[in-house]
Amino acid sequence: MSVNFNSTVPSIPGGNTAVTFQTDGAGNVSAYLASSSTINTVVDLTAQSANVGTTTIVSAPATGRYRLSGYIIITTVASTGAATSTLPSIVFGWTDPDNSTSQTFTITAALPNGNSLTTYALGSAFISAKTSTNISYATTSYASNTASQMQYSLHIVLEAV
């Protein structure tokens, strides 16, 4: 009996992935699974001196789970009027597939008015995002009303899990 390796007959049971077989001219056989698109997106913004408006990281290619991580830190302190400087919060947004409702997750520094190079915030969230909806970020509540404004860096990672 000969064996016929293909990905169509018999049909593949639902919920399973087809394995693709290939041969070379010497009669060697190997198999592989087609890899799905992996999302690993990095955002690095430096020398920011204002809020960042809502910005799309990615439009979810499929309903699935994602990990959002954010880190924000003061890089230049305001030289005068320190009490008026505030490190902004990071706000992530997405649409949940279970209820089709927009959701947010906010990362805020413990002491956002610190105006020091040790003022920072970090956090991570595990989310479920709906197909073809945007996963986004923004910053809110930046304040620095001085001639030498406070500046910050923002670092974000989005991973499909």
C-alpha atoms as a PDB file:
ATOM      1  CA  MET A   1       0.000   0.000   0.000  1.00  0.00           C
ATOM      2  CA  SER A   2       1.333   3.432  -0.877  1.00  0.00           C
ATOM      3  CA  VAL A   3       0.880   6.468   1.333  1.00  0.00           C
ATOM      4  CA  ASN A   4      -0.351   9.778  -0.043  1.00  0.00           C
ATOM      5  CA  PHE A   5       0.596  12.770   2.144  1.00  0.00           C
ATOM      6  CA  ASN A   6      -1.575  15.791   1.427  1.00  0.00           C
ATOM      7  CA  SER A   7      -3.547  18.382   3.352  1.00  0.00           C
ATOM      8  CA  THR A   8      -6.969  17.827   1.791  1.00  0.00           C
ATOM      9  CA  VAL A   9      -7.875  14.110   1.790  1.00  0.00           C
ATOM     10  CA  PRO A  10      -9.182  12.955   4.149  1.00  0.00           C
ATOM     11  CA  SER A  11     -10.531  16.267   5.400  1.00  0.00           C
ATOM     12  CA  ILE A  12      -8.939  17.823   8.478  1.00  0.00           C
ATOM     13  CA  PRO A  13     -11.141  17.709  11.597  1.00  0.00           C
ATOM     14  CA  GLY A  14     -12.356  21.111  12.777  1.00  0.00           C
ATOM     15  CA  GLY A  15     -10.107  22.895  15.253  1.00  0.00           C
ATOM     16  CA  ASN A  16      -6.972  21.193  13.929  1.00  0.00           C
ATOM     17  CA  THR A  17      -4.126  22.441  11.762  1.00  0.00           C
ATOM     18  CA  ALA A  18      -2.982  20.810   8.552  1.00  0.00           C
ATOM     19  CA  VAL A  19       0.616  19.607   8.387  1.00  0.00           C
ATOM     20  CA  THR A  20       2.356  20.225   5.075  1.00  0.00           C
ATOM     21  CA  PHE A  21       4.740  17.548   3.832  1.00  0.00           C
ATOM     22  CA  GLN A  22       7.502  18.111   1.316  1.00  0.00           C
ATOM     23  CA  THR A  23      10.095  15.926  -0.353  1.00  0.00           C
ATOM     24  CA  ASP A  24      13.380  16.620  -2.039  1.00  0.00           C
ATOM     25  CA  GLY A  25      14.886  14.856  -5.051  1.00  0.00           C
ATOM     26  CA  ALA A  26      16.715  12.347  -2.816  1.00  0.00           C
ATOM     27  CA  GLY A  27      13.486  10.997  -1.305  1.00  0.00           C
ATOM     28  CA  ASN A  28      13.743  12.821   2.026  1.00  0.00           C
ATOM     29  CA  VAL A  29      10.436  13.857   3.602  1.00  0.00           C
ATOM     30  CA  SER A  30       9.874  16.709   6.049  1.00  0.00           C
ATOM     31  CA  ALA A  31       6.768  18.253   7.557  1.00  0.00           C
ATOM     32  CA  TYR A  32       5.969  21.754   8.767  1.00  0.00           C
ATOM     33  CA  LEU A  33       3.121  23.836  10.137  1.00  0.00           C
ATOM     34  CA  ALA A  34       2.456  27.202   8.592  1.00  0.00           C
ATOM     35  CA  SER A  35       3.155  29.803  11.268  1.00  0.00           C
ATOM     36  CA  SER A  36       0.502  32.355  12.035  1.00  0.00           C
ATOM     37  CA  SER A  37       1.350  36.021  11.935  1.00  0.00           C
ATOM     38  CA  THR A  38       3.028  36.971  15.187  1.00  0.00           C
ATOM     39  CA  ILE A  39       2.605  40.456  16.529  1.00  0.00           C
ATOM     40  CA  ASN A  40       5.454  41.953  18.474  1.00  0.00           C
ATOM     41  CA  THR A  41       5.314  45.724  18.202  1.00  0.00           C
ATOM     42  CA  VAL A  42       7.566  48.183  19.986  1.00  0.00           C
ATOM     43  CA  VAL A  43       6.967  51.928  20.427  1.00  0.00           C
ATOM     44  CA  ASP A  44       9.847  54.115  21.634  1.00  0.00           C
ATOM     45  CA  LEU A  45       9.222  57.844  21.981  1.00  0.00           C
ATOM     46  CA  THR A  46      11.821  60.170  23.497  1.00  0.00           C
ATOM     47  CA  ALA A  47      12.014  63.892  24.310  1.00  0.00           C
ATOM     48  CA  GLN A  48       8.231  64.194  24.684  1.00  0.00           C
ATOM     49  CA  SER A  49       6.987  67.517  26.082  1.00  0.00           C
ATOM     50  CA  ALA A  50       3.233  67.185  25.584  1.00  0.00           C
ATOM     51  CA  ASN A  51       0.522  64.555  25.694  1.00  0.00           C
ATOM     52  CA  VAL A  52       0.542  61.963  22.919  1.00  0.00           C
ATOM     53  CA  GLY A  53      -2.867  61.700  21.258  1.00  0.00           C
ATOM     54  CA  THR A  54      -4.576  58.359  20.707  1.00  0.00           C
ATOM     55  CA  THR A  55      -2.318  56.338  18.411  1.00  0.00           C
ATOM     56  CA  THR A  56      -3.031  52.903  16.945  1.00  0.00           C
ATOM     57  CA  ILE A  57      -0.418  50.274  17.765  1.00  0.00           C
ATOM     58  CA  VAL A  58      -2.083  47.647  15.576  1.00  0.00           C
ATOM     59  CA  SER A  59      -5.465  46.628  14.218  1.00  0.00           C
ATOM     60  CA  ALA A  60      -5.996  43.159  15.688  1.00  0.00           C
ATOM     61  CA  PRO A  61      -5.690  40.681  12.779  1.00  0.00           C
ATOM     62  CA  ALA A  62      -7.688  38.084  14.715  1.00  0.00           C
ATOM     63  CA  THR A  63      -9.610  37.866  17.951  1.00  0.00           C
ATOM     64  CA  GLY A  64      -7.004  36.889  20.490  1.00  0.00           C
ATOM     65  CA  ARG A  65      -4.985  37.526  23.593  1.00  0.00           C
ATOM     66  CA  TYR A  66      -2.322  40.195  23.805  1.00  0.00           C
ATOM     67  CA  ARG A  67       0.081  41.517  26.420  1.00  0.00           C
ATOM     68  CA  LEU A  68       0.491  45.296  26.629  1.00  0.00           C
ATOM     69  CA  SER A  69       3.439  46.675  28.587  1.00  0.00           C
ATOM     70  CA  GLY A  70       4.312  50.309  29.160  1.00  0.00           C
ATOM     71  CA  TYR A  71       7.123  52.279  30.789  1.00  0.00           C
ATOM     72  CA  ILE A  72       7.241  56.067  31.088  1.00  0.00           C
ATOM     73  CA  ILE A  73       9.984  58.107  32.779  1.00  0.00           C
ATOM     74  CA  ILE A  74      11.044  61.733  33.194  1.00  0.00           C
ATOM     75  CA  THR A  75      14.238  62.387  31.223  1.00  0.00           C
ATOM     76  CA  THR A  76      14.561  66.169  31.728  1.00  0.00           C
ATOM     77  CA  VAL A  77      13.254  67.920  34.817  1.00  0.00           C
ATOM     78  CA  ALA A  78      11.616  71.330  34.586  1.00  0.00           C
ATOM     79  CA  SER A  79      14.147  73.850  35.853  1.00  0.00           C
ATOM     80  CA  THR A  80      11.565  76.219  37.349  1.00  0.00           C
ATOM     81  CA  GLY A  81       8.046  75.741  38.600  1.00  0.00           C
ATOM     82  CA  ALA A  82       8.581  72.097  39.548  1.00  0.00           C
ATOM     83  CA  ALA A  83       5.224  71.925  41.310  1.00  0.00           C
ATOM     84  CA  THR A  84       3.475  72.444  37.970  1.00  0.00           C
ATOM     85  CA  SER A  85       5.162  69.476  36.236  1.00  0.00           C
ATOM     86  CA  THR A  86       3.238  66.200  35.964  1.00  0.00           C
ATOM     87  CA  LEU A  87       4.400  62.977  34.307  1.00  0.00           C
ATOM     88  CA  PRO A  88       1.478  61.824  32.167  1.00  0.00           C
ATOM     89  CA  SER A  89      -0.358  58.531  32.508  1.00  0.00           C
ATOM     90  CA  ILE A  90      -0.340  55.914  29.744  1.00  0.00           C
ATOM     91  CA  VAL A  91      -3.808  54.858  28.572  1.00  0.00           C
ATOM     92  CA  PHE A  92      -4.219  51.710  26.468  1.00  0.00           C
ATOM     93  CA  GLY A  93      -7.459  51.067  24.570  1.00  0.00           C
ATOM     94  CA  TRP A  94      -9.007  48.065  22.788  1.00  0.00           C
ATOM     95  CA  THR A  95     -12.389  46.437  22.066  1.00  0.00           C
ATOM     96  CA  ASP A  96     -13.242  43.285  23.998  1.00  0.00           C
ATOM     97  CA  PRO A  97     -14.600  40.458  21.765  1.00  0.00           C
ATOM     98  CA  ASP A  98     -16.912  39.034  24.437  1.00  0.00           C
ATOM     99  CA  ASN A  99     -19.043  42.158  24.779  1.00  0.00           C
ATOM    100  CA  SER A 100     -17.879  44.342  21.831  1.00  0.00           C
ATOM    101  CA  THR A 101     -17.222  47.202  24.248  1.00  0.00           C
ATOM    102  CA  SER A 102     -14.243  49.568  24.311  1.00  0.00           C
ATOM    103  CA  GLN A 103     -11.970  49.001  27.299  1.00  0.00           C
ATOM    104  CA  THR A 104      -9.059  50.950  28.797  1.00  0.00           C
ATOM    105  CA  PHE A 105      -6.115  50.235  31.083  1.00  0.00           C
ATOM    106  CA  THR A 106      -4.215  53.144  32.656  1.00  0.00           C
ATOM    107  CA  ILE A 107      -0.679  53.248  34.058  1.00  0.00           C
ATOM    108  CA  THR A 108      -0.004  56.169  36.420  1.00  0.00           C
ATOM    109  CA  ALA A 109       3.116  57.019  38.434  1.00  0.00           C
ATOM    110  CA  ALA A 110       2.782  56.776  42.222  1.00  0.00           C
ATOM    111  CA  LEU A 111       4.015  60.399  42.489  1.00  0.00           C
ATOM    112  CA  PRO A 112       3.475  61.944  39.041  1.00  0.00           C
ATOM    113  CA  ASN A 113       4.315  65.457  40.319  1.00  0.00           C
ATOM    114  CA  GLY A 114       7.802  64.382  41.438  1.00  0.00           C
ATOM    115  CA  ASN A 115       9.688  66.336  38.751  1.00  0.00           C
ATOM    116  CA  SER A 116      12.775  64.179  39.294  1.00  0.00           C
ATOM    117  CA  LEU A 117      14.740  61.714  37.206  1.00  0.00           C
ATOM    118  CA  THR A 118      13.432  58.946  39.476  1.00  0.00           C
ATOM    119  CA  THR A 119       9.786  59.633  38.574  1.00  0.00           C
ATOM    120  CA  TYR A 120       8.441  56.809  36.410  1.00  0.00           C
ATOM    121  CA  ALA A 121       5.532  54.413  35.941  1.00  0.00           C
ATOM    122  CA  LEU A 122       5.326  50.927  34.515  1.00  0.00           C
ATOM    123  CA  GLY A 123       2.736  48.232  34.084  1.00  0.00           C
ATOM    124  CA  SER A 124       1.476  45.366  32.016  1.00  0.00           C
ATOM    125  CA  ALA A 125      -1.960  44.035  31.098  1.00  0.00           C
ATOM    126  CA  PHE A 126      -3.218  40.819  29.521  1.00  0.00           C
ATOM    127  CA  ILE A 127      -6.140  41.666  27.213  1.00  0.00           C
ATOM    128  CA  SER A 128      -8.497  40.026  24.751  1.00  0.00           C
ATOM    129  CA  ALA A 129      -9.036  42.095  21.599  1.00  0.00           C
ATOM    130  CA  LYS A 130     -11.663  41.779  18.875  1.00  0.00           C
ATOM    131  CA  THR A 131     -10.751  41.137  15.230  1.00  0.00           C
ATOM    132  CA  SER A 132     -10.178  44.256  13.089  1.00  0.00           C
ATOM    133  CA  THR A 133     -10.382  46.665  16.032  1.00  0.00           C
ATOM    134  CA  ASN A 134      -7.572  48.972  17.076  1.00  0.00           C
ATOM    135  CA  ILE A 135      -5.287  48.451  20.038  1.00  0.00           C
ATOM    136  CA  SER A 136      -4.087  51.942  20.923  1.00  0.00           C
ATOM    137  CA  TYR A 137      -2.213  54.107  23.398  1.00  0.00           C
ATOM    138  CA  ALA A 138      -2.238  57.729  24.494  1.00  0.00           C
ATOM    139  CA  THR A 139      -0.831  59.809  27.323  1.00  0.00           C
ATOM    140  CA  THR A 140      -2.949  62.095  29.492  1.00  0.00           C
ATOM    141  CA  SER A 141      -2.426  64.743  32.199  1.00  0.00           C
ATOM    142  CA  TYR A 142       0.991  66.041  31.078  1.00  0.00           C
ATOM    143  CA  ALA A 143       1.744  69.405  32.662  1.00  0.00           C
ATOM    144  CA  SER A 144       4.851  71.577  32.692  1.00  0.00           C
ATOM    145  CA  ASN A 145       4.156  75.287  32.667  1.00  0.00           C
ATOM    146  CA  THR A 146       7.735  76.499  32.633  1.00  0.00           C
ATOM    147  CA  ALA A 147      10.160  77.914  30.093  1.00  0.00           C
ATOM    148  CA  SER A 148      12.306  74.783  30.535  1.00  0.00           C
ATOM    149  CA  GLN A 149       9.680  72.071  30.192  1.00  0.00           C
ATOM    150  CA  MET A 150       9.826  68.627  31.709  1.00  0.00           C
ATOM    151  CA  GLN A 151      10.436  65.905  29.084  1.00  0.00           C
ATOM    152  CA  TYR A 152       9.747  62.193  29.215  1.00  0.00           C
ATOM    153  CA  SER A 153      10.299  58.951  27.297  1.00  0.00           C
ATOM    154  CA  LEU A 154       7.584  56.428  26.563  1.00  0.00           C
ATOM    155  CA  HIS A 155       8.269  52.756  25.790  1.00  0.00           C
ATOM    156  CA  ILE A 156       5.505  50.292  24.825  1.00  0.00           C
ATOM    157  CA  VAL A 157       5.531  46.637  23.804  1.00  0.00           C
ATOM    158  CA  LEU A 158       2.540  44.754  22.369  1.00  0.00           C
ATOM    159  CA  GLU A 159       2.841  40.971  22.097  1.00  0.00           C
ATOM    160  CA  ALA A 160       0.428  38.387  20.764  1.00  0.00           C
ATOM    161  CA  VAL A 161       0.209  35.550  23.285  1.00  0.00           C
END
